[in-house]
Amino acid sequence: QFLERIIKRLRSAFIENKDIENQMEVEDDYLKEIIQKNNQIDFLENKLDEEQKLRLEKESELKKKDSELKEKDTELQEMRKSMFELARILKLQGKSKLEIIHLTKLSESDIEEL
């Protein structure tokens, strides 16, 4: 009985509005477009998320490499200071420029500045 009532209502709605099938098709097409757009938006959002993750990973790698380069630069500066100190001591001991250059690998102009 319940199904018979539903069928009667649907028949009366169809009889009263003969254009209902066209309206339903238009609604279906509209919903189909909305679903496609939502799928496209979801796809692009996922792609954007992946790109952001990749960018963050690259930034992290760059920061790490920058930190490593700064450490190496600091080490080189310390080594250079040590070489200058060694050259100064060797010069005070009376060593020749050539000996100092050979031992410290500093340039002749660096040694002359001491």
PDB file of N, CA and C in Angstrom:
ATOM      1  N   GLN A   1       0.827  -1.202   0.000  1.00  0.00           N
ATOM      2  CA  GLN A   1       0.000   0.000   0.000  1.00  0.00           C
ATOM      3  C   GLN A   1       0.869   1.263   0.000  1.00  0.00           C
ATOM      4  N   PHE A   2       1.946   1.204   0.767  1.00  0.00           N
ATOM      5  CA  PHE A   2       2.823   2.366   0.831  1.00  0.00           C
ATOM      6  C   PHE A   2       3.416   2.666  -0.541  1.00  0.00           C
ATOM      7  N   LEU A   3       3.890   1.624  -1.218  1.00  0.00           N
ATOM      8  CA  LEU A   3       4.474   1.800  -2.547  1.00  0.00           C
ATOM      9  C   LEU A   3       3.417   2.245  -3.556  1.00  0.00           C
ATOM     10  N   GLU A   4       2.208   1.757  -3.422  1.00  0.00           N
ATOM     11  CA  GLU A   4       1.142   2.171  -4.329  1.00  0.00           C
ATOM     12  C   GLU A   4       0.868   3.661  -4.179  1.00  0.00           C
ATOM     13  N   ARG A   5       0.909   4.174  -2.943  1.00  0.00           N
ATOM     14  CA  ARG A   5       0.701   5.615  -2.726  1.00  0.00           C
ATOM     15  C   ARG A   5       1.808   6.423  -3.381  1.00  0.00           C
ATOM     16  N   ILE A   6       3.034   5.932  -3.260  1.00  0.00           N
ATOM     17  CA  ILE A   6       4.167   6.647  -3.861  1.00  0.00           C
ATOM     18  C   ILE A   6       4.022   6.658  -5.379  1.00  0.00           C
ATOM     19  N   ILE A   7       3.644   5.521  -5.946  1.00  0.00           N
ATOM     20  CA  ILE A   7       3.469   5.429  -7.399  1.00  0.00           C
ATOM     21  C   ILE A   7       2.366   6.378  -7.859  1.00  0.00           C
ATOM     22  N   LYS A   8       1.241   6.443  -7.124  1.00  0.00           N
ATOM     23  CA  LYS A   8       0.154   7.363  -7.476  1.00  0.00           C
ATOM     24  C   LYS A   8       0.627   8.807  -7.438  1.00  0.00           C
ATOM     25  N   ARG A   9       1.407   9.166  -6.419  1.00  0.00           N
ATOM     26  CA  ARG A   9       1.908  10.542  -6.315  1.00  0.00           C
ATOM     27  C   ARG A   9       2.849  10.871  -7.465  1.00  0.00           C
ATOM     28  N   LEU A  10       3.720   9.934  -7.792  1.00  0.00           N
ATOM     29  CA  LEU A  10       4.645  10.175  -8.905  1.00  0.00           C
ATOM     30  C   LEU A  10       3.892  10.318 -10.223  1.00  0.00           C
ATOM     31  N   ARG A  11       2.839   9.483 -10.430  1.00  0.00           N
ATOM     32  CA  ARG A  11       2.041   9.581 -11.664  1.00  0.00           C
ATOM     33  C   ARG A  11       1.326  10.925 -11.727  1.00  0.00           C
ATOM     34  N   SER A  12       0.769  11.348 -10.607  1.00  0.00           N
ATOM     35  CA  SER A  12       0.052  12.632 -10.618  1.00  0.00           C
ATOM     36  C   SER A  12       1.026  13.786 -10.841  1.00  0.00           C
ATOM     37  N   ALA A  13       2.225  13.700 -10.283  1.00  0.00           N
ATOM     38  CA  ALA A  13       3.219  14.743 -10.496  1.00  0.00           C
ATOM     39  C   ALA A  13       3.634  14.760 -11.963  1.00  0.00           C
ATOM     40  N   PHE A  14       3.739  13.596 -12.572  1.00  0.00           N
ATOM     41  CA  PHE A  14       4.112  13.517 -13.975  1.00  0.00           C
ATOM     42  C   PHE A  14       3.011  14.081 -14.866  1.00  0.00           C
ATOM     43  N   ILE A  15       1.763  13.751 -14.536  1.00  0.00           N
ATOM     44  CA  ILE A  15       0.623  14.239 -15.327  1.00  0.00           C
ATOM     45  C   ILE A  15       0.499  15.750 -15.196  1.00  0.00           C
ATOM     46  N   GLU A  16       0.680  16.278 -13.975  1.00  0.00           N
ATOM     47  CA  GLU A  16       0.571  17.719 -13.747  1.00  0.00           C
ATOM     48  C   GLU A  16       1.725  18.479 -14.392  1.00  0.00           C
ATOM     49  N   ASN A  17       2.876  17.889 -14.432  1.00  0.00           N
ATOM     50  CA  ASN A  17       4.048  18.585 -14.957  1.00  0.00           C
ATOM     51  C   ASN A  17       4.734  17.686 -15.978  1.00  0.00           C
ATOM     52  N   LYS A  18       4.297  17.793 -17.233  1.00  0.00           N
ATOM     53  CA  LYS A  18       4.818  16.925 -18.283  1.00  0.00           C
ATOM     54  C   LYS A  18       6.287  17.227 -18.602  1.00  0.00           C
ATOM     55  N   ASP A  19       6.774  18.406 -18.219  1.00  0.00           N
ATOM     56  CA  ASP A  19       8.149  18.810 -18.501  1.00  0.00           C
ATOM     57  C   ASP A  19       9.122  18.375 -17.400  1.00  0.00           C
ATOM     58  N   ILE A  20       8.629  17.587 -16.465  1.00  0.00           N
ATOM     59  CA  ILE A  20       9.453  17.195 -15.321  1.00  0.00           C
ATOM     60  C   ILE A  20      10.671  16.378 -15.743  1.00  0.00           C
ATOM     61  N   GLU A  21      10.563  15.566 -16.765  1.00  0.00           N
ATOM     62  CA  GLU A  21      11.687  14.757 -17.218  1.00  0.00           C
ATOM     63  C   GLU A  21      12.817  15.659 -17.710  1.00  0.00           C
ATOM     64  N   ASN A  22      12.443  16.681 -18.481  1.00  0.00           N
ATOM     65  CA  ASN A  22      13.463  17.627 -18.955  1.00  0.00           C
ATOM     66  C   ASN A  22      14.122  18.355 -17.791  1.00  0.00           C
ATOM     67  N   GLN A  23      13.326  18.746 -16.805  1.00  0.00           N
ATOM     68  CA  GLN A  23      13.865  19.421 -15.627  1.00  0.00           C
ATOM     69  C   GLN A  23      14.828  18.505 -14.874  1.00  0.00           C
ATOM     70  N   MET A  24      14.448  17.237 -14.767  1.00  0.00           N
ATOM     71  CA  MET A  24      15.309  16.281 -14.068  1.00  0.00           C
ATOM     72  C   MET A  24      16.625  16.076 -14.814  1.00  0.00           C
ATOM     73  N   GLU A  25      16.561  16.044 -16.144  1.00  0.00           N
ATOM     74  CA  GLU A  25      17.771  15.903 -16.942  1.00  0.00           C
ATOM     75  C   GLU A  25      18.681  17.109 -16.764  1.00  0.00           C
ATOM     76  N   VAL A  26      18.075  18.297 -16.764  1.00  0.00           N
ATOM     77  CA  VAL A  26      18.850  19.529 -16.551  1.00  0.00           C
ATOM     78  C   VAL A  26      19.499  19.503 -15.171  1.00  0.00           C
ATOM     79  N   GLU A  27      18.732  19.085 -14.170  1.00  0.00           N
ATOM     80  CA  GLU A  27      19.281  18.983 -12.813  1.00  0.00           C
ATOM     81  C   GLU A  27      20.424  17.982 -12.765  1.00  0.00           C
ATOM     82  N   ASP A  28      20.251  16.842 -13.438  1.00  0.00           N
ATOM     83  CA  ASP A  28      21.311  15.834 -13.473  1.00  0.00           C
ATOM     84  C   ASP A  28      22.579  16.381 -14.133  1.00  0.00           C
ATOM     85  N   ASP A  29      22.390  17.086 -15.248  1.00  0.00           N
ATOM     86  CA  ASP A  29      23.544  17.689 -15.931  1.00  0.00           C
ATOM     87  C   ASP A  29      24.234  18.709 -15.034  1.00  0.00           C
ATOM     88  N   TYR A  30      23.431  19.506 -14.350  1.00  0.00           N
ATOM     89  CA  TYR A  30      23.973  20.512 -13.445  1.00  0.00           C
ATOM     90  C   TYR A  30      24.762  19.845 -12.313  1.00  0.00           C
ATOM     91  N   LEU A  31      24.177  18.806 -11.711  1.00  0.00           N
ATOM     92  CA  LEU A  31      24.862  18.088 -10.643  1.00  0.00           C
ATOM     93  C   LEU A  31      26.144  17.421 -11.144  1.00  0.00           C
ATOM     94  N   LYS A  32      26.089  16.913 -12.370  1.00  0.00           N
ATOM     95  CA  LYS A  32      27.264  16.280 -12.972  1.00  0.00           C
ATOM     96  C   LYS A  32      28.405  17.300 -13.101  1.00  0.00           C
ATOM     97  N   GLU A  33      28.078  18.510 -13.534  1.00  0.00           N
ATOM     98  CA  GLU A  33      29.072  19.580 -13.658  1.00  0.00           C
ATOM     99  C   GLU A  33      29.657  19.947 -12.292  1.00  0.00           C
ATOM    100  N   ILE A  34      28.781  20.038 -11.302  1.00  0.00           N
ATOM    101  CA  ILE A  34      29.240  20.372  -9.949  1.00  0.00           C
ATOM    102  C   ILE A  34      30.190  19.298  -9.429  1.00  0.00           C
ATOM    103  N   ILE A  35      29.831  18.043  -9.646  1.00  0.00           N
ATOM    104  CA  ILE A  35      30.689  16.937  -9.197  1.00  0.00           C
ATOM    105  C   ILE A  35      32.041  16.985  -9.896  1.00  0.00           C
ATOM    106  N   GLN A  36      32.027  17.253 -11.209  1.00  0.00           N
ATOM    107  CA  GLN A  36      33.278  17.341 -11.954  1.00  0.00           C
ATOM    108  C   GLN A  36      34.149  18.490 -11.427  1.00  0.00           C
ATOM    109  N   LYS A  37      33.535  19.621 -11.166  1.00  0.00           N
ATOM    110  CA  LYS A  37      34.285  20.773 -10.639  1.00  0.00           C
ATOM    111  C   LYS A  37      34.847  20.455  -9.252  1.00  0.00           C
ATOM    112  N   ASN A  38      34.046  19.814  -8.415  1.00  0.00           N
ATOM    113  CA  ASN A  38      34.524  19.439  -7.079  1.00  0.00           C
ATOM    114  C   ASN A  38      35.690  18.461  -7.164  1.00  0.00           C
ATOM    115  N   ASN A  39      35.592  17.509  -8.089  1.00  0.00           N
ATOM    116  CA  ASN A  39      36.698  16.564  -8.279  1.00  0.00           C
ATOM    117  C   ASN A  39      37.953  17.285  -8.746  1.00  0.00           C
ATOM    118  N   GLN A  40      37.776  18.231  -9.645  1.00  0.00           N
ATOM    119  CA  GLN A  40      38.903  18.999 -10.147  1.00  0.00           C
ATOM    120  C   GLN A  40      39.525  19.828  -9.018  1.00  0.00           C
ATOM    121  N   ILE A  41      38.690  20.439  -8.207  1.00  0.00           N
ATOM    122  CA  ILE A  41      39.179  21.227  -7.066  1.00  0.00           C
ATOM    123  C   ILE A  41      39.947  20.330  -6.095  1.00  0.00           C
ATOM    124  N   ASP A  42      39.391  19.162  -5.799  1.00  0.00           N
ATOM    125  CA  ASP A  42      40.074  18.225  -4.897  1.00  0.00           C
ATOM    126  C   ASP A  42      41.431  17.816  -5.462  1.00  0.00           C
ATOM    127  N   PHE A  43      41.467  17.530  -6.749  1.00  0.00           N
ATOM    128  CA  PHE A  43      42.720  17.143  -7.397  1.00  0.00           C
ATOM    129  C   PHE A  43      43.755  18.259  -7.279  1.00  0.00           C
ATOM    130  N   LEU A  44      43.336  19.488  -7.582  1.00  0.00           N
ATOM    131  CA  LEU A  44      44.260  20.617  -7.527  1.00  0.00           C
ATOM    132  C   LEU A  44      44.709  20.919  -6.096  1.00  0.00           C
ATOM    133  N   GLU A  45      43.809  20.755  -5.139  1.00  0.00           N
ATOM    134  CA  GLU A  45      44.188  20.958  -3.736  1.00  0.00           C
ATOM    135  C   GLU A  45      45.217  19.925  -3.301  1.00  0.00           C
ATOM    136  N   ASN A  46      45.017  18.673  -3.716  1.00  0.00           N
ATOM    137  CA  ASN A  46      45.993  17.626  -3.391  1.00  0.00           C
ATOM    138  C   ASN A  46      47.346  17.916  -4.030  1.00  0.00           C
ATOM    139  N   LYS A  47      47.304  18.358  -5.268  1.00  0.00           N
ATOM    140  CA  LYS A  47      48.544  18.695  -5.972  1.00  0.00           C
ATOM    141  C   LYS A  47      49.247  19.858  -5.279  1.00  0.00           C
ATOM    142  N   LEU A  48      48.482  20.848  -4.864  1.00  0.00           N
ATOM    143  CA  LEU A  48      49.046  21.986  -4.149  1.00  0.00           C
ATOM    144  C   LEU A  48      49.674  21.543  -2.829  1.00  0.00           C
ATOM    145  N   ASP A  49      49.002  20.667  -2.107  1.00  0.00           N
ATOM    146  CA  ASP A  49      49.546  20.137  -0.855  1.00  0.00           C
ATOM    147  C   ASP A  49      50.872  19.426  -1.093  1.00  0.00           C
ATOM    148  N   GLU A  50      50.923  18.626  -2.142  1.00  0.00           N
ATOM    149  CA  GLU A  50      52.159  17.912  -2.464  1.00  0.00           C
ATOM    150  C   GLU A  50      53.277  18.889  -2.807  1.00  0.00           C
ATOM    151  N   GLU A  51      52.946  19.920  -3.574  1.00  0.00           N
ATOM    152  CA  GLU A  51      53.944  20.928  -3.949  1.00  0.00           C
ATOM    153  C   GLU A  51      54.442  21.684  -2.715  1.00  0.00           C
ATOM    154  N   GLN A  52      53.546  21.990  -1.794  1.00  0.00           N
ATOM    155  CA  GLN A  52      53.940  22.678  -0.573  1.00  0.00           C
ATOM    156  C   GLN A  52      54.839  21.798   0.284  1.00  0.00           C
ATOM    157  N   LYS A  53      54.521  20.514   0.375  1.00  0.00           N
ATOM    158  CA  LYS A  53      55.375  19.596   1.127  1.00  0.00           C
ATOM    159  C   LYS A  53      56.758  19.526   0.499  1.00  0.00           C
ATOM    160  N   LEU A  54      56.795  19.431  -0.819  1.00  0.00           N
ATOM    161  CA  LEU A  54      58.067  19.373  -1.528  1.00  0.00           C
ATOM    162  C   LEU A  54      58.869  20.655  -1.303  1.00  0.00           C
ATOM    163  N   ARG A  55      58.181  21.789  -1.357  1.00  0.00           N
ATOM    164  CA  ARG A  55      58.848  23.070  -1.136  1.00  0.00           C
ATOM    165  C   ARG A  55      59.419  23.148   0.274  1.00  0.00           C
ATOM    166  N   LEU A  56      58.667  22.692   1.256  1.00  0.00           N
ATOM    167  CA  LEU A  56      59.148  22.703   2.637  1.00  0.00           C
ATOM    168  C   LEU A  56      60.358  21.787   2.814  1.00  0.00           C
ATOM    169  N   GLU A  57      60.327  20.630   2.145  1.00  0.00           N
ATOM    170  CA  GLU A  57      61.469  19.724   2.197  1.00  0.00           C
ATOM    171  C   GLU A  57      62.705  20.380   1.585  1.00  0.00           C
ATOM    172  N   LYS A  58      62.520  21.045   0.459  1.00  0.00           N
ATOM    173  CA  LYS A  58      63.643  21.718  -0.215  1.00  0.00           C
ATOM    174  C   LYS A  58      64.185  22.844   0.672  1.00  0.00           C
ATOM    175  N   GLU A  59      63.287  23.606   1.296  1.00  0.00           N
ATOM    176  CA  GLU A  59      63.720  24.679   2.190  1.00  0.00           C
ATOM    177  C   GLU A  59      64.528  24.115   3.353  1.00  0.00           C
ATOM    178  N   SER A  60      64.063  22.997   3.885  1.00  0.00           N
ATOM    179  CA  SER A  60      64.771  22.356   4.988  1.00  0.00           C
ATOM    180  C   SER A  60      66.164  21.908   4.549  1.00  0.00           C
ATOM    181  N   GLU A  61      66.250  21.318   3.366  1.00  0.00           N
ATOM    182  CA  GLU A  61      67.542  20.892   2.833  1.00  0.00           C
ATOM    183  C   GLU A  61      68.470  22.087   2.631  1.00  0.00           C
ATOM    184  N   LEU A  62      67.918  23.176   2.094  1.00  0.00           N
ATOM    185  CA  LEU A  62      68.735  24.369   1.868  1.00  0.00           C
ATOM    186  C   LEU A  62      69.241  24.959   3.179  1.00  0.00           C
ATOM    187  N   LYS A  63      68.385  24.982   4.190  1.00  0.00           N
ATOM    188  CA  LYS A  63      68.815  25.500   5.497  1.00  0.00           C
ATOM    189  C   LYS A  63      69.935  24.640   6.070  1.00  0.00           C
ATOM    190  N   LYS A  64      69.783  23.325   5.913  1.00  0.00           N
ATOM    191  CA  LYS A  64      70.806  22.407   6.415  1.00  0.00           C
ATOM    192  C   LYS A  64      72.129  22.638   5.693  1.00  0.00           C
ATOM    193  N   LYS A  65      72.075  22.758   4.362  1.00  0.00           N
ATOM    194  CA  LYS A  65      73.291  22.981   3.588  1.00  0.00           C
ATOM    195  C   LYS A  65      73.903  24.341   3.912  1.00  0.00           C
ATOM    196  N   ASP A  66      73.057  25.336   4.112  1.00  0.00           N
ATOM    197  CA  ASP A  66      73.552  26.661   4.481  1.00  0.00           C
ATOM    198  C   ASP A  66      74.275  26.598   5.819  1.00  0.00           C
ATOM    199  N   SER A  67      73.704  25.869   6.755  1.00  0.00           N
ATOM    200  CA  SER A  67      74.325  25.706   8.063  1.00  0.00           C
ATOM    201  C   SER A  67      75.674  24.997   7.940  1.00  0.00           C
ATOM    202  N   GLU A  68      75.720  23.959   7.121  1.00  0.00           N
ATOM    203  CA  GLU A  68      76.969  23.230   6.899  1.00  0.00           C
ATOM    204  C   GLU A  68      78.029  24.129   6.271  1.00  0.00           C
ATOM    205  N   LEU A  69      77.607  24.950   5.301  1.00  0.00           N
ATOM    206  CA  LEU A  69      78.553  25.866   4.658  1.00  0.00           C
ATOM    207  C   LEU A  69      79.078  26.904   5.641  1.00  0.00           C
ATOM    208  N   LYS A  70      78.211  27.385   6.510  1.00  0.00           N
ATOM    209  CA  LYS A  70      78.656  28.358   7.516  1.00  0.00           C
ATOM    210  C   LYS A  70      79.663  27.727   8.469  1.00  0.00           C
ATOM    211  N   GLU A  71      79.413  26.471   8.848  1.00  0.00           N
ATOM    212  CA  GLU A  71      80.361  25.766   9.719  1.00  0.00           C
ATOM    213  C   GLU A  71      81.716  25.612   9.034  1.00  0.00           C
ATOM    214  N   LYS A  72      81.693  25.225   7.754  1.00  0.00           N
ATOM    215  CA  LYS A  72      82.941  25.048   7.020  1.00  0.00           C
ATOM    216  C   LYS A  72      83.662  26.378   6.857  1.00  0.00           C
ATOM    217  N   ASP A  73      82.906  27.440   6.614  1.00  0.00           N
ATOM    218  CA  ASP A  73      83.511  28.761   6.484  1.00  0.00           C
ATOM    219  C   ASP A  73      84.180  29.176   7.789  1.00  0.00           C
ATOM    220  N   THR A  74      83.512  28.910   8.892  1.00  0.00           N
ATOM    221  CA  THR A  74      84.081  29.224  10.208  1.00  0.00           C
ATOM    222  C   THR A  74      85.362  28.421  10.431  1.00  0.00           C
ATOM    223  N   GLU A  75      85.331  27.139  10.065  1.00  0.00           N
ATOM    224  CA  GLU A  75      86.524  26.299  10.206  1.00  0.00           C
ATOM    225  C   GLU A  75      87.666  26.833   9.364  1.00  0.00           C
ATOM    226  N   LEU A  76      87.366  27.242   8.124  1.00  0.00           N
ATOM    227  CA  LEU A  76      88.410  27.776   7.240  1.00  0.00           C
ATOM    228  C   LEU A  76      88.981  29.075   7.791  1.00  0.00           C
ATOM    229  N   GLN A  77      88.132  29.905   8.333  1.00  0.00           N
ATOM    230  CA  GLN A  77      88.617  31.159   8.919  1.00  0.00           C
ATOM    231  C   GLN A  77      89.536  30.883  10.107  1.00  0.00           C
ATOM    232  N   GLU A  78      89.149  29.900  10.919  1.00  0.00           N
ATOM    233  CA  GLU A  78      89.982  29.528  12.065  1.00  0.00           C
ATOM    234  C   GLU A  78      91.325  28.974  11.601  1.00  0.00           C
ATOM    235  N   MET A  79      91.290  28.153  10.548  1.00  0.00           N
ATOM    236  CA  MET A  79      92.534  27.599  10.010  1.00  0.00           C
ATOM    237  C   MET A  79      93.418  28.706   9.459  1.00  0.00           C
ATOM    238  N   ARG A  80      92.807  29.647   8.785  1.00  0.00           N
ATOM    239  CA  ARG A  80      93.574  30.772   8.227  1.00  0.00           C
ATOM    240  C   ARG A  80      94.210  31.593   9.349  1.00  0.00           C
ATOM    241  N   LYS A  81      93.456  31.826  10.423  1.00  0.00           N
ATOM    242  CA  LYS A  81      94.019  32.550  11.568  1.00  0.00           C
ATOM    243  C   LYS A  81      95.200  31.782  12.154  1.00  0.00           C
ATOM    244  N   SER A  82      95.031  30.461  12.228  1.00  0.00           N
ATOM    245  CA  SER A  82      96.115  29.630  12.759  1.00  0.00           C
ATOM    246  C   SER A  82      97.358  29.711  11.869  1.00  0.00           C
ATOM    247  N   MET A  83      97.143  29.701  10.559  1.00  0.00           N
ATOM    248  CA  MET A  83      98.275  29.799   9.632  1.00  0.00           C
ATOM    249  C   MET A  83      98.981  31.151   9.773  1.00  0.00           C
ATOM    250  N   PHE A  84      98.205  32.212   9.959  1.00  0.00           N
ATOM    251  CA  PHE A  84      98.803  33.533  10.142  1.00  0.00           C
ATOM    252  C   PHE A  84      99.602  33.577  11.447  1.00  0.00           C
ATOM    253  N   GLU A  85      99.050  32.947  12.477  1.00  0.00           N
ATOM    254  CA  GLU A  85      99.752  32.919  13.762  1.00  0.00           C
ATOM    255  C   GLU A  85     101.040  32.101  13.635  1.00  0.00           C
ATOM    256  N   LEU A  86     100.953  30.973  12.943  1.00  0.00           N
ATOM    257  CA  LEU A  86     102.145  30.156  12.717  1.00  0.00           C
ATOM    258  C   LEU A  86     103.175  30.937  11.908  1.00  0.00           C
ATOM    259  N   ALA A  87     102.723  31.616  10.871  1.00  0.00           N
ATOM    260  CA  ALA A  87     103.637  32.403  10.037  1.00  0.00           C
ATOM    261  C   ALA A  87     104.296  33.503  10.862  1.00  0.00           C
ATOM    262  N   ARG A  88     103.547  34.129  11.751  1.00  0.00           N
ATOM    263  CA  ARG A  88     104.097  35.201  12.595  1.00  0.00           C
ATOM    264  C   ARG A  88     105.199  34.628  13.505  1.00  0.00           C
ATOM    265  N   ILE A  89     104.910  33.460  14.080  1.00  0.00           N
ATOM    266  CA  ILE A  89     105.888  32.822  14.960  1.00  0.00           C
ATOM    267  C   ILE A  89     107.139  32.434  14.169  1.00  0.00           C
ATOM    268  N   LEU A  90     106.932  31.854  12.973  1.00  0.00           N
ATOM    269  CA  LEU A  90     108.072  31.460  12.142  1.00  0.00           C
ATOM    270  C   LEU A  90     108.903  32.678  11.739  1.00  0.00           C
ATOM    271  N   LYS A  91     108.236  33.771  11.463  1.00  0.00           N
ATOM    272  CA  LYS A  91     108.939  34.995  11.086  1.00  0.00           C
ATOM    273  C   LYS A  91     109.771  35.508  12.267  1.00  0.00           C
ATOM    274  N   LEU A  92     109.191  35.432  13.483  1.00  0.00           N
ATOM    275  CA  LEU A  92     109.924  35.856  14.680  1.00  0.00           C
ATOM    276  C   LEU A  92     111.139  34.966  14.934  1.00  0.00           C
ATOM    277  N   GLN A  93     111.041  33.732  14.511  1.00  0.00           N
ATOM    278  CA  GLN A  93     112.156  32.795  14.683  1.00  0.00           C
ATOM    279  C   GLN A  93     113.230  32.990  13.613  1.00  0.00           C
ATOM    280  N   GLY A  94     112.951  33.879  12.656  1.00  0.00           N
ATOM    281  CA  GLY A  94     113.949  34.191  11.641  1.00  0.00           C
ATOM    282  C   GLY A  94     113.870  33.327  10.402  1.00  0.00           C
ATOM    283  N   LYS A  95     112.785  32.630  10.183  1.00  0.00           N
ATOM    284  CA  LYS A  95     112.646  31.808   8.977  1.00  0.00           C
ATOM    285  C   LYS A  95     112.474  32.710   7.756  1.00  0.00           C
ATOM    286  N   SER A  96     112.907  32.228   6.602  1.00  0.00           N
ATOM    287  CA  SER A  96     112.792  33.004   5.363  1.00  0.00           C
ATOM    288  C   SER A  96     111.349  32.980   4.847  1.00  0.00           C
ATOM    289  N   LYS A  97     111.060  33.929   3.950  1.00  0.00           N
ATOM    290  CA  LYS A  97     109.720  33.992   3.343  1.00  0.00           C
ATOM    291  C   LYS A  97     109.372  32.684   2.648  1.00  0.00           C
ATOM    292  N   LEU A  98     110.338  32.143   1.921  1.00  0.00           N
ATOM    293  CA  LEU A  98     110.083  30.900   1.178  1.00  0.00           C
ATOM    294  C   LEU A  98     109.757  29.736   2.115  1.00  0.00           C
ATOM    295  N   GLU A  99     110.435  29.663   3.230  1.00  0.00           N
ATOM    296  CA  GLU A  99     110.157  28.597   4.194  1.00  0.00           C
ATOM    297  C   GLU A  99     108.752  28.772   4.790  1.00  0.00           C
ATOM    298  N   ILE A 100     108.444  30.013   5.107  1.00  0.00           N
ATOM    299  CA  ILE A 100     107.123  30.292   5.693  1.00  0.00           C
ATOM    300  C   ILE A 100     106.019  29.992   4.691  1.00  0.00           C
ATOM    301  N   ILE A 101     106.213  30.393   3.433  1.00  0.00           N
ATOM    302  CA  ILE A 101     105.229  30.130   2.376  1.00  0.00           C
ATOM    303  C   ILE A 101     105.051  28.617   2.220  1.00  0.00           C
ATOM    304  N   HIS A 102     106.154  27.899   2.225  1.00  0.00           N
ATOM    305  CA  HIS A 102     106.105  26.444   2.060  1.00  0.00           C
ATOM    306  C   HIS A 102     105.355  25.780   3.218  1.00  0.00           C
ATOM    307  N   LEU A 103     105.588  26.231   4.430  1.00  0.00           N
ATOM    308  CA  LEU A 103     104.978  25.608   5.607  1.00  0.00           C
ATOM    309  C   LEU A 103     103.521  26.005   5.823  1.00  0.00           C
ATOM    310  N   THR A 104     103.175  27.239   5.509  1.00  0.00           N
ATOM    311  CA  THR A 104     101.821  27.734   5.826  1.00  0.00           C
ATOM    312  C   THR A 104     100.898  27.790   4.622  1.00  0.00           C
ATOM    313  N   LYS A 105     101.457  27.730   3.412  1.00  0.00           N
ATOM    314  CA  LYS A 105     100.689  27.847   2.163  1.00  0.00           C
ATOM    315  C   LYS A 105     100.029  29.234   2.025  1.00  0.00           C
ATOM    316  N   LEU A 106     100.552  30.226   2.752  1.00  0.00           N
ATOM    317  CA  LEU A 106     100.054  31.599   2.616  1.00  0.00           C
ATOM    318  C   LEU A 106     100.776  32.250   1.445  1.00  0.00           C
ATOM    319  N   SER A 107     100.198  33.328   0.938  1.00  0.00           N
ATOM    320  CA  SER A 107     100.828  34.035  -0.180  1.00  0.00           C
ATOM    321  C   SER A 107     101.955  34.934   0.331  1.00  0.00           C
ATOM    322  N   GLU A 108     102.802  35.347  -0.581  1.00  0.00           N
ATOM    323  CA  GLU A 108     103.928  36.211  -0.220  1.00  0.00           C
ATOM    324  C   GLU A 108     103.422  37.544   0.342  1.00  0.00           C
ATOM    325  N   SER A 109     102.339  38.057  -0.252  1.00  0.00           N
ATOM    326  CA  SER A 109     101.792  39.336   0.231  1.00  0.00           C
ATOM    327  C   SER A 109     101.230  39.177   1.651  1.00  0.00           C
ATOM    328  N   ASP A 110     100.631  38.018   1.952  1.00  0.00           N
ATOM    329  CA  ASP A 110     100.129  37.776   3.316  1.00  0.00           C
ATOM    330  C   ASP A 110     101.288  37.797   4.313  1.00  0.00           C
ATOM    331  N   ILE A 111     102.392  37.197   3.948  1.00  0.00           N
ATOM    332  CA  ILE A 111     103.541  37.113   4.846  1.00  0.00           C
ATOM    333  C   ILE A 111     104.191  38.480   5.012  1.00  0.00           C
ATOM    334  N   GLU A 112     104.204  39.265   3.962  1.00  0.00           N
ATOM    335  CA  GLU A 112     104.774  40.617   4.053  1.00  0.00           C
ATOM    336  C   GLU A 112     103.956  41.500   4.973  1.00  0.00           C
ATOM    337  N   GLU A 113     102.661  41.247   5.078  1.00  0.00           N
ATOM    338  CA  GLU A 113     101.796  42.051   5.954  1.00  0.00           C
ATOM    339  C   GLU A 113     102.061  41.781   7.429  1.00  0.00           C
ATOM    340  N   LEU A 114     102.682  40.666   7.759  1.00  0.00           N
ATOM    341  CA  LEU A 114     102.921  40.311   9.165  1.00  0.00           C
ATOM    342  C   LEU A 114     103.884  41.264   9.840  1.00  0.00           C
TER     343      LEU A 114
END
